[in-house]
Amino acid sequence: MTEETEFKEELLTIIKALTSKIEELEKTVYSQDNLLMKSGYVVAETPTPVIDNVIGSSVADVSSMDWSDIHKMVENAGGQ
């Protein structure tokens, strides 16, 4: 394997791990039995940070995607 291929595989592994952790966190925060939401420690309606990139990117805007769409995008990028 070339160095570039190894780097891409490592980066894809990191992205997969982060998306799964975020997905689990989202399930925990929005759970009906979640005491953090009920007590007011976690607020679901918070401002969303925005970054305006001048340079175009080949990555789609994931803020409006469902988890199934994100998983498909990772699979298309070479993941499992």
PDB file of N, CA and C in Angstrom:
ATOM      1  N   MET A   1       0.832  -1.184   0.000  1.00  0.00           N
ATOM      2  CA  MET A   1       0.000   0.000   0.000  1.00  0.00           C
ATOM      3  C   MET A   1       0.876   1.246   0.000  1.00  0.00           C
ATOM      4  N   THR A   2       0.392   2.257  -0.644  1.00  0.00           N
ATOM      5  CA  THR A   2       1.141   3.498  -0.647  1.00  0.00           C
ATOM      6  C   THR A   2       0.816   4.291   0.603  1.00  0.00           C
ATOM      7  N   GLU A   3       1.624   5.276   0.843  1.00  0.00           N
ATOM      8  CA  GLU A   3       1.425   6.124   2.009  1.00  0.00           C
ATOM      9  C   GLU A   3       0.084   6.853   1.936  1.00  0.00           C
ATOM     10  N   GLU A   4      -0.277   7.299   0.742  1.00  0.00           N
ATOM     11  CA  GLU A   4      -1.528   8.037   0.555  1.00  0.00           C
ATOM     12  C   GLU A   4      -2.733   7.131   0.827  1.00  0.00           C
ATOM     13  N   THR A   5      -2.688   5.888   0.384  1.00  0.00           N
ATOM     14  CA  THR A   5      -3.781   4.948   0.612  1.00  0.00           C
ATOM     15  C   THR A   5      -3.927   4.654   2.093  1.00  0.00           C
ATOM     16  N   GLU A   6      -2.811   4.453   2.771  1.00  0.00           N
ATOM     17  CA  GLU A   6      -2.849   4.204   4.214  1.00  0.00           C
ATOM     18  C   GLU A   6      -3.442   5.398   4.943  1.00  0.00           C
ATOM     19  N   PHE A   7      -3.055   6.604   4.535  1.00  0.00           N
ATOM     20  CA  PHE A   7      -3.575   7.814   5.162  1.00  0.00           C
ATOM     21  C   PHE A   7      -5.084   7.917   4.970  1.00  0.00           C
ATOM     22  N   LYS A   8      -5.554   7.620   3.755  1.00  0.00           N
ATOM     23  CA  LYS A   8      -6.988   7.681   3.478  1.00  0.00           C
ATOM     24  C   LYS A   8      -7.757   6.663   4.300  1.00  0.00           C
ATOM     25  N   GLU A   9      -7.215   5.467   4.452  1.00  0.00           N
ATOM     26  CA  GLU A   9      -7.871   4.436   5.246  1.00  0.00           C
ATOM     27  C   GLU A   9      -7.922   4.825   6.714  1.00  0.00           C
ATOM     28  N   GLU A  10      -6.843   5.401   7.232  1.00  0.00           N
ATOM     29  CA  GLU A  10      -6.827   5.841   8.622  1.00  0.00           C
ATOM     30  C   GLU A  10      -7.827   6.976   8.841  1.00  0.00           C
ATOM     31  N   LEU A  11      -7.883   7.900   7.893  1.00  0.00           N
ATOM     32  CA  LEU A  11      -8.820   9.008   7.984  1.00  0.00           C
ATOM     33  C   LEU A  11     -10.256   8.503   7.938  1.00  0.00           C
ATOM     34  N   LEU A  12     -10.537   7.543   7.085  1.00  0.00           N
ATOM     35  CA  LEU A  12     -11.875   6.966   6.986  1.00  0.00           C
ATOM     36  C   LEU A  12     -12.248   6.244   8.275  1.00  0.00           C
ATOM     37  N   THR A  13     -11.299   5.558   8.883  1.00  0.00           N
ATOM     38  CA  THR A  13     -11.539   4.880  10.155  1.00  0.00           C
ATOM     39  C   THR A  13     -11.878   5.888  11.246  1.00  0.00           C
ATOM     40  N   ILE A  14     -11.174   6.998  11.272  1.00  0.00           N
ATOM     41  CA  ILE A  14     -11.445   8.043  12.254  1.00  0.00           C
ATOM     42  C   ILE A  14     -12.829   8.636  12.039  1.00  0.00           C
ATOM     43  N   ILE A  15     -13.186   8.895  10.784  1.00  0.00           N
ATOM     44  CA  ILE A  15     -14.504   9.461  10.483  1.00  0.00           C
ATOM     45  C   ILE A  15     -15.613   8.504  10.902  1.00  0.00           C
ATOM     46  N   LYS A  16     -15.422   7.203  10.646  1.00  0.00           N
ATOM     47  CA  LYS A  16     -16.414   6.200  11.047  1.00  0.00           C
ATOM     48  C   LYS A  16     -16.590   6.198  12.568  1.00  0.00           C
ATOM     49  N   ALA A  17     -15.483   6.226  13.290  1.00  0.00           N
ATOM     50  CA  ALA A  17     -15.544   6.204  14.751  1.00  0.00           C
ATOM     51  C   ALA A  17     -16.255   7.445  15.286  1.00  0.00           C
ATOM     52  N   LEU A  18     -15.931   8.597  14.714  1.00  0.00           N
ATOM     53  CA  LEU A  18     -16.564   9.831  15.174  1.00  0.00           C
ATOM     54  C   LEU A  18     -18.060   9.855  14.881  1.00  0.00           C
ATOM     55  N   THR A  19     -18.454   9.408  13.692  1.00  0.00           N
ATOM     56  CA  THR A  19     -19.880   9.412  13.370  1.00  0.00           C
ATOM     57  C   THR A  19     -20.651   8.452  14.258  1.00  0.00           C
ATOM     58  N   SER A  20     -20.077   7.303  14.574  1.00  0.00           N
ATOM     59  CA  SER A  20     -20.785   6.374  15.458  1.00  0.00           C
ATOM     60  C   SER A  20     -20.903   6.937  16.867  1.00  0.00           C
ATOM     61  N   LYS A  21     -19.860   7.617  17.354  1.00  0.00           N
ATOM     62  CA  LYS A  21     -19.931   8.218  18.682  1.00  0.00           C
ATOM     63  C   LYS A  21     -20.951   9.355  18.718  1.00  0.00           C
ATOM     64  N   ILE A  22     -20.997  10.161  17.672  1.00  0.00           N
ATOM     65  CA  ILE A  22     -21.970  11.256  17.611  1.00  0.00           C
ATOM     66  C   ILE A  22     -23.384  10.701  17.524  1.00  0.00           C
ATOM     67  N   GLU A  23     -23.559   9.624  16.775  1.00  0.00           N
ATOM     68  CA  GLU A  23     -24.867   9.003  16.651  1.00  0.00           C
ATOM     69  C   GLU A  23     -25.343   8.477  18.009  1.00  0.00           C
ATOM     70  N   GLU A  24     -24.458   7.833  18.746  1.00  0.00           N
ATOM     71  CA  GLU A  24     -24.800   7.334  20.076  1.00  0.00           C
ATOM     72  C   GLU A  24     -25.128   8.478  21.026  1.00  0.00           C
ATOM     73  N   LEU A  25     -24.352   9.556  20.952  1.00  0.00           N
ATOM     74  CA  LEU A  25     -24.598  10.721  21.794  1.00  0.00           C
ATOM     75  C   LEU A  25     -25.946  11.351  21.470  1.00  0.00           C
ATOM     76  N   GLU A  26     -26.263  11.438  20.181  1.00  0.00           N
ATOM     77  CA  GLU A  26     -27.543  11.999  19.768  1.00  0.00           C
ATOM     78  C   GLU A  26     -28.698  11.155  20.291  1.00  0.00           C
ATOM     79  N   LYS A  27     -28.562   9.838  20.212  1.00  0.00           N
ATOM     80  CA  LYS A  27     -29.608   8.950  20.739  1.00  0.00           C
ATOM     81  C   LYS A  27     -29.775   9.145  22.243  1.00  0.00           C
ATOM     82  N   THR A  28     -28.666   9.329  22.951  1.00  0.00           N
ATOM     83  CA  THR A  28     -28.713   9.530  24.393  1.00  0.00           C
ATOM     84  C   THR A  28     -29.378  10.847  24.745  1.00  0.00           C
ATOM     85  N   VAL A  29     -29.033  11.907  24.036  1.00  0.00           N
ATOM     86  CA  VAL A  29     -29.572  13.234  24.346  1.00  0.00           C
ATOM     87  C   VAL A  29     -31.054  13.303  24.050  1.00  0.00           C
ATOM     88  N   TYR A  30     -31.502  12.705  22.954  1.00  0.00           N
ATOM     89  CA  TYR A  30     -32.903  12.802  22.564  1.00  0.00           C
ATOM     90  C   TYR A  30     -33.762  11.665  23.099  1.00  0.00           C
ATOM     91  N   SER A  31     -33.217  10.814  23.946  1.00  0.00           N
ATOM     92  CA  SER A  31     -33.971   9.711  24.528  1.00  0.00           C
ATOM     93  C   SER A  31     -35.123  10.252  25.365  1.00  0.00           C
ATOM     94  N   GLN A  32     -36.284   9.582  25.310  1.00  0.00           N
ATOM     95  CA  GLN A  32     -37.450  10.034  26.062  1.00  0.00           C
ATOM     96  C   GLN A  32     -37.227   9.943  27.562  1.00  0.00           C
ATOM     97  N   ASP A  33     -36.415   8.999  28.003  1.00  0.00           N
ATOM     98  CA  ASP A  33     -36.166   8.813  29.429  1.00  0.00           C
ATOM     99  C   ASP A  33     -34.935   9.564  29.914  1.00  0.00           C
ATOM    100  N   ASN A  34     -34.382  10.418  29.077  1.00  0.00           N
ATOM    101  CA  ASN A  34     -33.143  11.102  29.417  1.00  0.00           C
ATOM    102  C   ASN A  34     -33.382  12.171  30.473  1.00  0.00           C
ATOM    103  N   LEU A  35     -32.740  12.023  31.602  1.00  0.00           N
ATOM    104  CA  LEU A  35     -32.902  12.973  32.695  1.00  0.00           C
ATOM    105  C   LEU A  35     -32.211  14.303  32.429  1.00  0.00           C
ATOM    106  N   LEU A  36     -31.144  14.292  31.603  1.00  0.00           N
ATOM    107  CA  LEU A  36     -30.451  15.542  31.308  1.00  0.00           C
ATOM    108  C   LEU A  36     -31.358  16.514  30.571  1.00  0.00           C
ATOM    109  N   MET A  37     -32.123  16.008  29.597  1.00  0.00           N
ATOM    110  CA  MET A  37     -33.044  16.872  28.855  1.00  0.00           C
ATOM    111  C   MET A  37     -34.161  17.364  29.775  1.00  0.00           C
ATOM    112  N   LYS A  38     -34.708  16.461  30.590  1.00  0.00           N
ATOM    113  CA  LYS A  38     -35.831  16.808  31.459  1.00  0.00           C
ATOM    114  C   LYS A  38     -35.419  17.807  32.538  1.00  0.00           C
ATOM    115  N   SER A  39     -34.187  17.727  33.002  1.00  0.00           N
ATOM    116  CA  SER A  39     -33.736  18.626  34.058  1.00  0.00           C
ATOM    117  C   SER A  39     -33.292  19.979  33.517  1.00  0.00           C
ATOM    118  N   GLY A  40     -33.110  20.078  32.207  1.00  0.00           N
ATOM    119  CA  GLY A  40     -32.725  21.347  31.609  1.00  0.00           C
ATOM    120  C   GLY A  40     -31.227  21.528  31.444  1.00  0.00           C
ATOM    121  N   TYR A  41     -30.427  20.505  31.768  1.00  0.00           N
ATOM    122  CA  TYR A  41     -28.983  20.620  31.596  1.00  0.00           C
ATOM    123  C   TYR A  41     -28.593  20.598  30.117  1.00  0.00           C
ATOM    124  N   VAL A  42     -29.372  19.882  29.315  1.00  0.00           N
ATOM    125  CA  VAL A  42     -29.113  19.803  27.883  1.00  0.00           C
ATOM    126  C   VAL A  42     -30.280  20.446  27.163  1.00  0.00           C
ATOM    127  N   VAL A  43     -29.989  21.395  26.312  1.00  0.00           N
ATOM    128  CA  VAL A  43     -31.017  22.087  25.558  1.00  0.00           C
ATOM    129  C   VAL A  43     -30.887  21.663  24.102  1.00  0.00           C
ATOM    130  N   ALA A  44     -31.999  21.223  23.520  1.00  0.00           N
ATOM    131  CA  ALA A  44     -31.958  20.739  22.140  1.00  0.00           C
ATOM    132  C   ALA A  44     -32.003  21.875  21.131  1.00  0.00           C
ATOM    133  N   GLU A  45     -32.516  23.005  21.500  1.00  0.00           N
ATOM    134  CA  GLU A  45     -32.661  24.132  20.574  1.00  0.00           C
ATOM    135  C   GLU A  45     -31.538  25.134  20.812  1.00  0.00           C
ATOM    136  N   THR A  46     -30.359  24.856  20.293  1.00  0.00           N
ATOM    137  CA  THR A  46     -29.223  25.748  20.464  1.00  0.00           C
ATOM    138  C   THR A  46     -28.810  26.319  19.117  1.00  0.00           C
ATOM    139  N   PRO A  47     -28.118  27.448  19.113  1.00  0.00           N
ATOM    140  CA  PRO A  47     -27.648  27.995  17.837  1.00  0.00           C
ATOM    141  C   PRO A  47     -26.656  27.045  17.164  1.00  0.00           C
ATOM    142  N   THR A  48     -26.699  27.002  15.862  1.00  0.00           N
ATOM    143  CA  THR A  48     -25.815  26.142  15.102  1.00  0.00           C
ATOM    144  C   THR A  48     -24.681  26.973  14.524  1.00  0.00           C
ATOM    145  N   PRO A  49     -23.434  26.611  14.795  1.00  0.00           N
ATOM    146  CA  PRO A  49     -22.314  27.355  14.224  1.00  0.00           C
ATOM    147  C   PRO A  49     -22.259  27.179  12.704  1.00  0.00           C
ATOM    148  N   VAL A  50     -21.845  28.213  12.018  1.00  0.00           N
ATOM    149  CA  VAL A  50     -21.772  28.181  10.561  1.00  0.00           C
ATOM    150  C   VAL A  50     -20.387  28.625  10.132  1.00  0.00           C
ATOM    151  N   ILE A  51     -19.814  27.895   9.201  1.00  0.00           N
ATOM    152  CA  ILE A  51     -18.527  28.259   8.621  1.00  0.00           C
ATOM    153  C   ILE A  51     -18.759  28.485   7.143  1.00  0.00           C
ATOM    154  N   ASP A  52     -18.431  29.676   6.672  1.00  0.00           N
ATOM    155  CA  ASP A  52     -18.552  29.977   5.253  1.00  0.00           C
ATOM    156  C   ASP A  52     -17.226  29.697   4.572  1.00  0.00           C
ATOM    157  N   ASN A  53     -17.194  28.648   3.786  1.00  0.00           N
ATOM    158  CA  ASN A  53     -15.978  28.282   3.048  1.00  0.00           C
ATOM    159  C   ASN A  53     -16.021  28.914   1.677  1.00  0.00           C
ATOM    160  N   VAL A  54     -14.969  29.595   1.343  1.00  0.00           N
ATOM    161  CA  VAL A  54     -14.871  30.185   0.015  1.00  0.00           C
ATOM    162  C   VAL A  54     -14.501  29.115  -0.999  1.00  0.00           C
ATOM    163  N   ILE A  55     -13.667  28.177  -0.578  1.00  0.00           N
ATOM    164  CA  ILE A  55     -13.215  27.103  -1.455  1.00  0.00           C
ATOM    165  C   ILE A  55     -14.271  26.005  -1.452  1.00  0.00           C
ATOM    166  N   GLY A  56     -14.634  25.506  -2.614  1.00  0.00           N
ATOM    167  CA  GLY A  56     -15.625  24.445  -2.725  1.00  0.00           C
ATOM    168  C   GLY A  56     -15.098  23.141  -2.168  1.00  0.00           C
ATOM    169  N   SER A  57     -16.000  22.295  -1.746  1.00  0.00           N
ATOM    170  CA  SER A  57     -15.615  21.014  -1.179  1.00  0.00           C
ATOM    171  C   SER A  57     -16.421  19.908  -1.848  1.00  0.00           C
ATOM    172  N   SER A  58     -15.814  18.732  -1.969  1.00  0.00           N
ATOM    173  CA  SER A  58     -16.507  17.596  -2.561  1.00  0.00           C
ATOM    174  C   SER A  58     -17.392  16.888  -1.541  1.00  0.00           C
ATOM    175  N   VAL A  59     -17.296  17.279  -0.257  1.00  0.00           N
ATOM    176  CA  VAL A  59     -18.090  16.663   0.797  1.00  0.00           C
ATOM    177  C   VAL A  59     -19.442  17.368   0.874  1.00  0.00           C
ATOM    178  N   ALA A  60     -20.497  16.581   0.919  1.00  0.00           N
ATOM    179  CA  ALA A  60     -21.849  17.142   0.994  1.00  0.00           C
ATOM    180  C   ALA A  60     -22.092  17.739   2.376  1.00  0.00           C
ATOM    181  N   ASP A  61     -23.088  18.616   2.454  1.00  0.00           N
ATOM    182  CA  ASP A  61     -23.466  19.235   3.726  1.00  0.00           C
ATOM    183  C   ASP A  61     -24.176  18.193   4.576  1.00  0.00           C
ATOM    184  N   VAL A  62     -23.540  17.731   5.648  1.00  0.00           N
ATOM    185  CA  VAL A  62     -24.092  16.661   6.462  1.00  0.00           C
ATOM    186  C   VAL A  62     -25.063  17.165   7.527  1.00  0.00           C
ATOM    187  N   SER A  63     -25.200  18.470   7.677  1.00  0.00           N
ATOM    188  CA  SER A  63     -26.065  18.987   8.737  1.00  0.00           C
ATOM    189  C   SER A  63     -27.532  18.656   8.515  1.00  0.00           C
ATOM    190  N   SER A  64     -27.937  18.453   7.269  1.00  0.00           N
ATOM    191  CA  SER A  64     -29.344  18.151   6.996  1.00  0.00           C
ATOM    192  C   SER A  64     -29.556  16.691   6.590  1.00  0.00           C
ATOM    193  N   MET A  65     -28.518  15.852   6.728  1.00  0.00           N
ATOM    194  CA  MET A  65     -28.618  14.444   6.323  1.00  0.00           C
ATOM    195  C   MET A  65     -29.127  13.572   7.465  1.00  0.00           C
ATOM    196  N   ASP A  66     -29.768  12.472   7.100  1.00  0.00           N
ATOM    197  CA  ASP A  66     -30.098  11.435   8.069  1.00  0.00           C
ATOM    198  C   ASP A  66     -28.867  10.560   8.258  1.00  0.00           C
ATOM    199  N   TRP A  67     -28.867   9.758   9.328  1.00  0.00           N
ATOM    200  CA  TRP A  67     -27.713   8.896   9.589  1.00  0.00           C
ATOM    201  C   TRP A  67     -27.535   7.885   8.474  1.00  0.00           C
ATOM    202  N   SER A  68     -28.634   7.422   7.870  1.00  0.00           N
ATOM    203  CA  SER A  68     -28.498   6.443   6.783  1.00  0.00           C
ATOM    204  C   SER A  68     -27.775   7.064   5.593  1.00  0.00           C
ATOM    205  N   ASP A  69     -28.043   8.354   5.314  1.00  0.00           N
ATOM    206  CA  ASP A  69     -27.355   9.042   4.223  1.00  0.00           C
ATOM    207  C   ASP A  69     -25.862   9.190   4.516  1.00  0.00           C
ATOM    208  N   ILE A  70     -25.525   9.474   5.767  1.00  0.00           N
ATOM    209  CA  ILE A  70     -24.115   9.623   6.156  1.00  0.00           C
ATOM    210  C   ILE A  70     -23.392   8.286   6.019  1.00  0.00           C
ATOM    211  N   HIS A  71     -24.066   7.199   6.437  1.00  0.00           N
ATOM    212  CA  HIS A  71     -23.449   5.882   6.304  1.00  0.00           C
ATOM    213  C   HIS A  71     -23.236   5.528   4.835  1.00  0.00           C
ATOM    214  N   LYS A  72     -24.184   5.869   3.962  1.00  0.00           N
ATOM    215  CA  LYS A  72     -24.031   5.609   2.531  1.00  0.00           C
ATOM    216  C   LYS A  72     -22.863   6.406   1.963  1.00  0.00           C
ATOM    217  N   MET A  73     -22.707   7.671   2.403  1.00  0.00           N
ATOM    218  CA  MET A  73     -21.624   8.513   1.918  1.00  0.00           C
ATOM    219  C   MET A  73     -20.266   7.925   2.321  1.00  0.00           C
ATOM    220  N   VAL A  74     -20.185   7.399   3.558  1.00  0.00           N
ATOM    221  CA  VAL A  74     -18.935   6.790   4.022  1.00  0.00           C
ATOM    222  C   VAL A  74     -18.654   5.514   3.230  1.00  0.00           C
ATOM    223  N   GLU A  75     -19.700   4.724   2.952  1.00  0.00           N
ATOM    224  CA  GLU A  75     -19.509   3.510   2.155  1.00  0.00           C
ATOM    225  C   GLU A  75     -19.009   3.857   0.757  1.00  0.00           C
ATOM    226  N   ASN A  76     -19.562   4.908   0.161  1.00  0.00           N
ATOM    227  CA  ASN A  76     -19.139   5.309  -1.174  1.00  0.00           C
ATOM    228  C   ASN A  76     -17.693   5.827  -1.179  1.00  0.00           C
ATOM    229  N   ALA A  77     -17.248   6.329  -0.038  1.00  0.00           N
ATOM    230  CA  ALA A  77     -15.874   6.841   0.050  1.00  0.00           C
ATOM    231  C   ALA A  77     -14.871   5.715   0.242  1.00  0.00           C
ATOM    232  N   GLY A  78     -15.357   4.488   0.380  1.00  0.00           N
ATOM    233  CA  GLY A  78     -14.435   3.353   0.492  1.00  0.00           C
ATOM    234  C   GLY A  78     -14.562   2.619   1.794  1.00  0.00           C
ATOM    235  N   GLY A  79     -15.565   2.954   2.585  1.00  0.00           N
ATOM    236  CA  GLY A  79     -15.738   2.277   3.867  1.00  0.00           C
ATOM    237  C   GLY A  79     -16.556   1.020   3.714  1.00  0.00           C
ATOM    238  N   GLN A  80     -16.906   0.451   4.848  1.00  0.00           N
ATOM    239  CA  GLN A  80     -17.672  -0.803   4.835  1.00  0.00           C
ATOM    240  C   GLN A  80     -19.138  -0.518   4.917  1.00  0.00           C
TER     241      GLN A  80
END
